[in-house]
């Protein structure tokens, strides 16, 4: 497995873990549909943020 695949896998694992922690922390009784939508929102927001940080690190190390 290449370095970029490993980094991508790490980003997915980190985003999943943080999204689940955010959902557990906000443990208000919400319908399951709302929790699924919030998980997707948190997950993709964190993926975007991490990719932007990785892109900046790559750009400045180049």
Protein backbone atom coordinates (compact mmCIF):
# COMPACT_ATOMS: atom_id res chain seq x y z
CA UNK A 1 0.00 0.00 0.00
CA UNK A 2 1.41 3.38 -0.99
CA UNK A 3 2.01 6.31 1.29
CA UNK A 4 -0.95 8.25 -0.13
CA UNK A 5 -3.32 5.33 0.41
CA UNK A 6 -2.10 5.02 3.99
CA UNK A 7 -2.62 8.74 4.60
CA UNK A 8 -6.09 8.55 3.04
CA UNK A 9 -7.03 5.61 5.23
CA UNK A 10 -5.77 7.47 8.30
CA UNK A 11 -7.87 10.52 7.36
CA UNK A 12 -11.00 8.36 7.05
CA UNK A 13 -10.37 6.63 10.39
CA UNK A 14 -9.70 9.92 12.18
CA UNK A 15 -12.78 11.59 10.69
CA UNK A 16 -14.98 8.62 11.58
CA UNK A 17 -13.73 8.53 15.17
CA UNK A 18 -14.11 12.28 15.72
CA UNK A 19 -17.57 12.32 14.10
CA UNK A 20 -18.74 9.52 16.36
CA UNK A 21 -17.31 11.29 19.42
CA UNK A 22 -19.13 14.51 18.50
CA UNK A 23 -22.39 12.60 18.08
CA UNK A 24 -21.94 10.80 21.43
CA UNK A 25 -21.09 14.07 23.18
CA UNK A 26 -24.28 15.68 21.88
CA UNK A 27 -26.35 12.77 23.18
CA UNK A 28 -29.66 14.63 23.09
CA UNK A 29 -32.50 12.35 22.12
CA UNK A 30 -32.59 12.90 18.38
CA UNK A 31 -34.17 10.73 15.73
CA UNK A 32 -31.86 8.27 14.02
CA UNK A 33 -32.25 10.09 10.67
CA UNK A 34 -30.90 13.31 12.19
CA UNK A 35 -27.94 11.47 13.72
CA UNK A 36 -27.09 9.92 10.34
CA UNK A 37 -27.25 13.31 8.62
CA UNK A 38 -25.14 14.94 11.33
CA UNK A 39 -22.59 12.13 11.11
CA UNK A 40 -22.29 12.68 7.35
CA UNK A 41 -21.96 16.42 7.83
CA UNK A 42 -19.27 16.09 10.50
CA UNK A 43 -17.46 13.35 8.57
CA UNK A 44 -17.23 15.25 5.27
CA UNK A 45 -16.43 18.52 7.02
CA UNK A 46 -13.53 16.89 8.83
CA UNK A 47 -12.33 15.14 5.66
CA UNK A 48 -12.30 18.48 3.85
CA UNK A 49 -10.45 20.19 6.71
CA UNK A 50 -7.83 17.42 6.91
CA UNK A 51 -7.32 17.40 3.13
CA UNK A 52 -6.84 21.17 3.16
CA UNK A 53 -4.23 20.84 5.93
CA UNK A 54 -2.47 18.02 4.06
CA UNK A 55 -2.47 20.10 0.86
CA UNK A 56 -0.89 23.03 2.68
CA UNK A 57 1.76 20.79 4.23
CA UNK A 58 2.48 19.24 0.83
CA UNK A 59 2.66 22.68 -0.82
CA UNK A 60 5.07 24.15 1.73
CA UNK A 61 7.29 21.03 1.80
CA UNK A 62 7.60 20.98 -1.97
